[in-house]
Amino acid sequence: MFEVTYALKNAMGTPDVYDSGQIIANAKKWADDLIAREDENARQKAENDRRARLIADKANKSMSC
């Protein structure tokens, strides 16, 4: 348990004094940031997929003429 706590403190930039409140706050912030990045990536993928479908539809229409 000590090694895990020490690793968490070092990874999260907390002081040597065990501060569970700060560790929890940092973990929550990192989780929120990760969720926001994943949401933005999903939004961009959906937009790229939509554009690709529009281009494919346009190409199919021009080939059928």
N, C-alpha and C. Protein backbone atom coordinates (compact mmCIF):
# COMPACT_ATOMS: atom_id res chain seq x y z
N MET A 1 0.82 -1.19 0.00
CA MET A 1 0.00 0.00 0.00
C MET A 1 0.87 1.25 0.00
N PHE A 2 1.95 1.23 0.75
CA PHE A 2 2.82 2.40 0.80
C PHE A 2 3.35 2.76 -0.59
N GLU A 3 3.76 1.75 -1.36
CA GLU A 3 4.31 2.02 -2.68
C GLU A 3 3.27 2.67 -3.59
N VAL A 4 2.03 2.20 -3.51
CA VAL A 4 0.96 2.77 -4.33
C VAL A 4 0.73 4.22 -3.94
N THR A 5 0.64 4.48 -2.65
CA THR A 5 0.41 5.85 -2.18
C THR A 5 1.56 6.76 -2.61
N TYR A 6 2.78 6.29 -2.45
CA TYR A 6 3.95 7.07 -2.83
C TYR A 6 3.94 7.36 -4.33
N ALA A 7 3.60 6.34 -5.13
CA ALA A 7 3.55 6.51 -6.58
C ALA A 7 2.47 7.51 -6.97
N LEU A 8 1.31 7.43 -6.33
CA LEU A 8 0.23 8.37 -6.62
C LEU A 8 0.66 9.79 -6.28
N LYS A 9 1.27 9.97 -5.12
CA LYS A 9 1.70 11.31 -4.72
C LYS A 9 2.71 11.87 -5.71
N ASN A 10 3.65 11.06 -6.14
CA ASN A 10 4.65 11.53 -7.09
C ASN A 10 4.02 11.83 -8.45
N ALA A 11 3.14 10.96 -8.90
CA ALA A 11 2.52 11.14 -10.20
C ALA A 11 1.62 12.37 -10.22
N MET A 12 0.98 12.65 -9.12
CA MET A 12 0.03 13.76 -9.07
C MET A 12 0.65 15.05 -8.57
N GLY A 13 1.91 15.03 -8.27
CA GLY A 13 2.58 16.25 -7.87
C GLY A 13 2.18 16.75 -6.49
N THR A 14 1.73 15.87 -5.63
CA THR A 14 1.35 16.30 -4.28
C THR A 14 2.58 16.32 -3.39
N PRO A 15 2.54 17.07 -2.32
CA PRO A 15 3.69 17.09 -1.41
C PRO A 15 3.87 15.75 -0.72
N ASP A 16 4.97 15.61 0.01
CA ASP A 16 5.27 14.35 0.70
C ASP A 16 4.21 13.99 1.74
N VAL A 17 3.53 14.98 2.28
CA VAL A 17 2.49 14.71 3.26
C VAL A 17 1.29 14.12 2.51
N TYR A 18 0.78 13.01 3.00
CA TYR A 18 -0.36 12.35 2.35
C TYR A 18 -1.57 13.26 2.42
N ASP A 19 -2.09 13.64 1.28
CA ASP A 19 -3.24 14.55 1.21
C ASP A 19 -4.29 13.90 0.32
N SER A 20 -5.15 13.10 0.92
CA SER A 20 -6.13 12.35 0.14
C SER A 20 -7.09 13.29 -0.59
N GLY A 21 -7.41 14.42 0.01
CA GLY A 21 -8.31 15.37 -0.65
C GLY A 21 -7.73 15.88 -1.95
N GLN A 22 -6.43 16.18 -1.94
CA GLN A 22 -5.79 16.68 -3.16
C GLN A 22 -5.68 15.58 -4.20
N ILE A 23 -5.38 14.37 -3.78
CA ILE A 23 -5.29 13.24 -4.72
C ILE A 23 -6.65 13.00 -5.37
N ILE A 24 -7.70 13.03 -4.57
CA ILE A 24 -9.05 12.83 -5.12
C ILE A 24 -9.42 13.96 -6.07
N ALA A 25 -9.10 15.20 -5.69
CA ALA A 25 -9.41 16.34 -6.56
C ALA A 25 -8.66 16.23 -7.88
N ASN A 26 -7.38 15.86 -7.82
CA ASN A 26 -6.60 15.70 -9.05
C ASN A 26 -7.16 14.57 -9.92
N ALA A 27 -7.51 13.46 -9.30
CA ALA A 27 -8.05 12.32 -10.05
C ALA A 27 -9.36 12.71 -10.73
N LYS A 28 -10.21 13.45 -10.03
CA LYS A 28 -11.49 13.89 -10.61
C LYS A 28 -11.24 14.84 -11.78
N LYS A 29 -10.30 15.76 -11.61
CA LYS A 29 -9.98 16.70 -12.70
C LYS A 29 -9.46 15.94 -13.92
N TRP A 30 -8.56 14.98 -13.69
CA TRP A 30 -8.03 14.20 -14.81
C TRP A 30 -9.12 13.39 -15.49
N ALA A 31 -10.03 12.83 -14.71
CA ALA A 31 -11.14 12.07 -15.29
C ALA A 31 -12.04 12.99 -16.11
N ASP A 32 -12.35 14.17 -15.57
CA ASP A 32 -13.18 15.12 -16.31
C ASP A 32 -12.50 15.57 -17.60
N ASP A 33 -11.18 15.81 -17.53
CA ASP A 33 -10.43 16.20 -18.73
C ASP A 33 -10.45 15.09 -19.77
N LEU A 34 -10.29 13.84 -19.33
CA LEU A 34 -10.31 12.70 -20.24
C LEU A 34 -11.67 12.57 -20.91
N ILE A 35 -12.74 12.71 -20.14
CA ILE A 35 -14.09 12.63 -20.69
C ILE A 35 -14.30 13.73 -21.73
N ALA A 36 -13.84 14.94 -21.42
CA ALA A 36 -13.99 16.06 -22.36
C ALA A 36 -13.23 15.79 -23.65
N ARG A 37 -12.01 15.24 -23.55
CA ARG A 37 -11.24 14.92 -24.75
C ARG A 37 -11.92 13.83 -25.57
N GLU A 38 -12.44 12.81 -24.88
CA GLU A 38 -13.12 11.72 -25.59
C GLU A 38 -14.38 12.23 -26.28
N ASP A 39 -15.12 13.13 -25.62
CA ASP A 39 -16.31 13.72 -26.23
C ASP A 39 -15.95 14.52 -27.48
N GLU A 40 -14.89 15.30 -27.38
CA GLU A 40 -14.45 16.10 -28.53
C GLU A 40 -13.98 15.20 -29.67
N ASN A 41 -13.25 14.14 -29.35
CA ASN A 41 -12.81 13.20 -30.39
C ASN A 41 -14.00 12.54 -31.07
N ALA A 42 -15.02 12.16 -30.30
CA ALA A 42 -16.22 11.55 -30.87
C ALA A 42 -16.95 12.55 -31.76
N ARG A 43 -17.02 13.81 -31.33
CA ARG A 43 -17.69 14.84 -32.13
C ARG A 43 -16.95 15.04 -33.46
N GLN A 44 -15.62 15.10 -33.40
CA GLN A 44 -14.84 15.28 -34.62
C GLN A 44 -14.97 14.08 -35.55
N LYS A 45 -14.99 12.87 -34.99
CA LYS A 45 -15.15 11.67 -35.82
C LYS A 45 -16.51 11.68 -36.51
N ALA A 46 -17.55 12.06 -35.78
CA ALA A 46 -18.89 12.12 -36.38
C ALA A 46 -18.93 13.15 -37.51
N GLU A 47 -18.29 14.28 -37.30
CA GLU A 47 -18.25 15.31 -38.34
C GLU A 47 -17.46 14.82 -39.55
N ASN A 48 -16.34 14.16 -39.33
CA ASN A 48 -15.55 13.63 -40.45
C ASN A 48 -16.32 12.55 -41.20
N ASP A 49 -17.04 11.69 -40.47
CA ASP A 49 -17.85 10.66 -41.12
C ASP A 49 -18.96 11.29 -41.96
N ARG A 50 -19.58 12.34 -41.44
CA ARG A 50 -20.64 13.03 -42.17
C ARG A 50 -20.08 13.63 -43.46
N ARG A 51 -18.93 14.26 -43.36
CA ARG A 51 -18.31 14.86 -44.56
C ARG A 51 -17.92 13.78 -45.57
N ALA A 52 -17.41 12.67 -45.10
CA ALA A 52 -17.04 11.58 -46.01
C ALA A 52 -18.26 11.04 -46.73
N ARG A 53 -19.38 10.91 -46.02
CA ARG A 53 -20.62 10.44 -46.67
C ARG A 53 -21.09 11.43 -47.73
N LEU A 54 -21.01 12.73 -47.42
CA LEU A 54 -21.41 13.74 -48.40
C LEU A 54 -20.55 13.67 -49.66
N ILE A 55 -19.25 13.51 -49.47
CA ILE A 55 -18.33 13.42 -50.61
C ILE A 55 -18.62 12.16 -51.42
N ALA A 56 -18.85 11.04 -50.73
CA ALA A 56 -19.15 9.78 -51.43
C ALA A 56 -20.46 9.89 -52.19
N ASP A 57 -21.47 10.49 -51.59
CA ASP A 57 -22.76 10.67 -52.27
C ASP A 57 -22.59 11.55 -53.51
N LYS A 58 -21.82 12.62 -53.36
CA LYS A 58 -21.60 13.52 -54.49
C LYS A 58 -20.85 12.80 -55.61
N ALA A 59 -19.87 11.98 -55.26
CA ALA A 59 -19.11 11.23 -56.27
C ALA A 59 -20.01 10.22 -56.96
N ASN A 60 -20.88 9.55 -56.22
CA ASN A 60 -21.80 8.57 -56.81
C ASN A 60 -22.78 9.24 -57.75
N LYS A 61 -23.26 10.42 -57.40
CA LYS A 61 -24.21 11.14 -58.26
C LYS A 61 -23.54 11.58 -59.55
N SER A 62 -22.30 12.05 -59.46
CA SER A 62 -21.62 12.52 -60.67
C SER A 62 -21.25 11.35 -61.58
N MET A 63 -21.02 10.16 -61.04
CA MET A 63 -20.70 8.99 -61.86
C MET A 63 -21.94 8.45 -62.55
N SER A 64 -23.11 8.64 -61.95
CA SER A 64 -24.32 8.08 -62.53
C SER A 64 -24.88 8.96 -63.64
N CYS A 65 -24.35 10.15 -63.82
CA CYS A 65 -24.84 11.05 -64.87
C CYS A 65 -24.27 10.73 -66.21
